[in-house]
Amino acid sequence: MNPYQHLASEYARFAKEGRSYPLGTFGPLPRPQIPPEAPKVLIFSPHPDDEVIIGGLAL
């Protein structure tokens, strides 16, 4: 048996199950108060889509 068959079938099952979930029923979250002395960061990315695709995980 292919070791990826279970992974692929579970992914398909989750996608099918997800179709029944309601969309757009959550209100906006409150913005947190950020103190003026909070640390700041500058992200330089030659390929900005890399961080957009995976979020901040790589950082």
N, C-alpha and C. Protein backbone atom coordinates (compact mmCIF):
# COMPACT_ATOMS: atom_id res chain seq x y z
N MET A 1 0.85 -1.19 0.00
CA MET A 1 0.00 0.00 0.00
C MET A 1 0.89 1.25 0.00
N ASN A 2 0.50 2.22 -0.77
CA ASN A 2 1.22 3.48 -0.85
C ASN A 2 1.11 4.20 0.49
N PRO A 3 2.23 4.65 1.08
CA PRO A 3 2.16 5.31 2.39
C PRO A 3 1.42 6.65 2.34
N TYR A 4 1.27 7.23 1.17
CA TYR A 4 0.59 8.52 1.07
C TYR A 4 -0.90 8.37 0.77
N GLN A 5 -1.36 7.17 0.56
CA GLN A 5 -2.77 6.98 0.24
C GLN A 5 -3.66 7.43 1.40
N HIS A 6 -3.29 7.07 2.62
CA HIS A 6 -4.09 7.48 3.78
C HIS A 6 -4.08 9.00 3.93
N LEU A 7 -2.92 9.61 3.75
CA LEU A 7 -2.82 11.07 3.84
C LEU A 7 -3.72 11.74 2.82
N ALA A 8 -3.67 11.28 1.58
CA ALA A 8 -4.48 11.88 0.52
C ALA A 8 -5.96 11.65 0.75
N SER A 9 -6.34 10.47 1.20
CA SER A 9 -7.76 10.20 1.42
C SER A 9 -8.30 11.01 2.60
N GLU A 10 -7.48 11.19 3.65
CA GLU A 10 -7.92 12.01 4.78
C GLU A 10 -8.04 13.47 4.37
N TYR A 11 -7.11 13.95 3.56
CA TYR A 11 -7.19 15.32 3.07
C TYR A 11 -8.47 15.53 2.27
N ALA A 12 -8.81 14.59 1.42
CA ALA A 12 -10.03 14.68 0.63
C ALA A 12 -11.26 14.64 1.54
N ARG A 13 -11.21 13.81 2.57
CA ARG A 13 -12.34 13.72 3.50
C ARG A 13 -12.52 15.03 4.25
N PHE A 14 -11.42 15.63 4.70
CA PHE A 14 -11.50 16.92 5.40
C PHE A 14 -12.05 18.01 4.49
N ALA A 15 -11.62 18.02 3.24
CA ALA A 15 -12.11 19.02 2.30
C ALA A 15 -13.61 18.86 2.07
N LYS A 16 -14.05 17.62 1.95
CA LYS A 16 -15.48 17.37 1.75
C LYS A 16 -16.27 17.77 2.99
N GLU A 17 -15.76 17.44 4.16
CA GLU A 17 -16.43 17.80 5.41
C GLU A 17 -16.48 19.32 5.58
N GLY A 18 -15.42 20.00 5.17
CA GLY A 18 -15.35 21.45 5.32
C GLY A 18 -16.40 22.19 4.52
N ARG A 19 -16.90 21.59 3.47
CA ARG A 19 -17.94 22.25 2.66
C ARG A 19 -19.21 22.51 3.45
N SER A 20 -19.44 21.74 4.50
CA SER A 20 -20.67 21.90 5.28
C SER A 20 -20.53 22.95 6.38
N TYR A 21 -19.34 23.49 6.58
CA TYR A 21 -19.14 24.47 7.65
C TYR A 21 -19.68 25.83 7.21
N PRO A 22 -20.28 26.58 8.14
CA PRO A 22 -20.79 27.91 7.80
C PRO A 22 -19.63 28.88 7.56
N LEU A 23 -19.86 29.84 6.67
CA LEU A 23 -18.85 30.84 6.36
C LEU A 23 -19.33 32.22 6.78
N GLY A 24 -18.44 33.04 7.22
CA GLY A 24 -18.76 34.43 7.50
C GLY A 24 -19.62 34.67 8.73
N THR A 25 -19.61 33.78 9.69
CA THR A 25 -20.46 33.97 10.86
C THR A 25 -19.71 34.54 12.05
N PHE A 26 -18.44 34.87 11.87
CA PHE A 26 -17.64 35.39 12.97
C PHE A 26 -17.50 36.90 12.84
N GLY A 27 -17.66 37.58 13.96
CA GLY A 27 -17.47 39.02 13.97
C GLY A 27 -15.98 39.36 14.01
N PRO A 28 -15.64 40.61 13.75
CA PRO A 28 -14.23 40.99 13.79
C PRO A 28 -13.68 40.92 15.21
N LEU A 29 -12.43 40.54 15.32
CA LEU A 29 -11.78 40.49 16.63
C LEU A 29 -11.34 41.88 17.04
N PRO A 30 -11.35 42.16 18.34
CA PRO A 30 -10.87 43.48 18.78
C PRO A 30 -9.36 43.60 18.58
N ARG A 31 -8.92 44.79 18.21
CA ARG A 31 -7.48 45.02 18.03
C ARG A 31 -6.83 45.15 19.40
N PRO A 32 -5.73 44.48 19.62
CA PRO A 32 -5.05 44.60 20.91
C PRO A 32 -4.36 45.96 21.03
N GLN A 33 -4.27 46.45 22.25
CA GLN A 33 -3.55 47.69 22.50
C GLN A 33 -2.05 47.38 22.50
N ILE A 34 -1.30 48.08 21.69
CA ILE A 34 0.14 47.87 21.61
C ILE A 34 0.82 49.08 22.24
N PRO A 35 1.58 48.85 23.30
CA PRO A 35 2.24 49.99 23.96
C PRO A 35 3.27 50.64 23.03
N PRO A 36 3.45 51.94 23.16
CA PRO A 36 4.40 52.65 22.27
C PRO A 36 5.82 52.11 22.38
N GLU A 37 6.20 51.58 23.54
CA GLU A 37 7.57 51.09 23.73
C GLU A 37 7.73 49.61 23.33
N ALA A 38 6.70 49.05 22.71
CA ALA A 38 6.77 47.64 22.28
C ALA A 38 7.86 47.48 21.22
N PRO A 39 8.56 46.33 21.22
CA PRO A 39 9.59 46.10 20.21
C PRO A 39 9.00 46.12 18.80
N LYS A 40 9.82 46.51 17.87
CA LYS A 40 9.38 46.57 16.47
C LYS A 40 10.29 45.67 15.64
N VAL A 41 9.77 45.25 14.49
CA VAL A 41 10.54 44.38 13.62
C VAL A 41 10.34 44.82 12.18
N LEU A 42 11.37 44.65 11.38
CA LEU A 42 11.30 44.91 9.96
C LEU A 42 11.61 43.61 9.25
N ILE A 43 10.71 43.16 8.41
CA ILE A 43 10.92 41.92 7.67
C ILE A 43 11.27 42.29 6.23
N PHE A 44 12.46 41.88 5.82
CA PHE A 44 12.87 42.07 4.43
C PHE A 44 12.80 40.71 3.76
N SER A 45 12.02 40.63 2.73
CA SER A 45 11.85 39.36 2.05
C SER A 45 12.00 39.56 0.55
N PRO A 46 13.08 39.03 -0.04
CA PRO A 46 13.23 39.14 -1.49
C PRO A 46 12.09 38.47 -2.25
N HIS A 47 11.49 37.47 -1.64
CA HIS A 47 10.35 36.77 -2.23
C HIS A 47 9.19 36.87 -1.25
N PRO A 48 8.44 37.97 -1.24
CA PRO A 48 7.41 38.18 -0.22
C PRO A 48 6.33 37.11 -0.20
N ASP A 49 6.11 36.45 -1.31
CA ASP A 49 5.06 35.43 -1.31
C ASP A 49 5.44 34.24 -0.43
N ASP A 50 6.73 34.01 -0.19
CA ASP A 50 7.13 32.89 0.66
C ASP A 50 6.54 33.02 2.06
N GLU A 51 6.68 34.19 2.67
CA GLU A 51 6.16 34.38 4.02
C GLU A 51 4.64 34.45 4.03
N VAL A 52 4.06 34.96 2.95
CA VAL A 52 2.60 35.03 2.88
C VAL A 52 1.99 33.63 2.84
N ILE A 53 2.63 32.74 2.11
CA ILE A 53 2.10 31.39 1.96
C ILE A 53 2.19 30.62 3.27
N ILE A 54 3.31 30.74 3.99
CA ILE A 54 3.51 29.93 5.18
C ILE A 54 3.32 30.70 6.47
N GLY A 55 2.98 31.97 6.40
CA GLY A 55 2.82 32.76 7.61
C GLY A 55 4.18 33.08 8.22
N GLY A 56 4.22 33.30 9.51
CA GLY A 56 5.46 33.63 10.20
C GLY A 56 6.24 32.43 10.64
N LEU A 57 5.85 31.24 10.24
CA LEU A 57 6.50 30.02 10.72
C LEU A 57 7.99 30.01 10.41
N ALA A 58 8.37 30.46 9.24
CA ALA A 58 9.79 30.44 8.88
C ALA A 58 10.60 31.42 9.70
N LEU A 59 9.96 32.46 10.18
CA LEU A 59 10.67 33.46 10.96
C LEU A 59 10.88 32.95 12.35
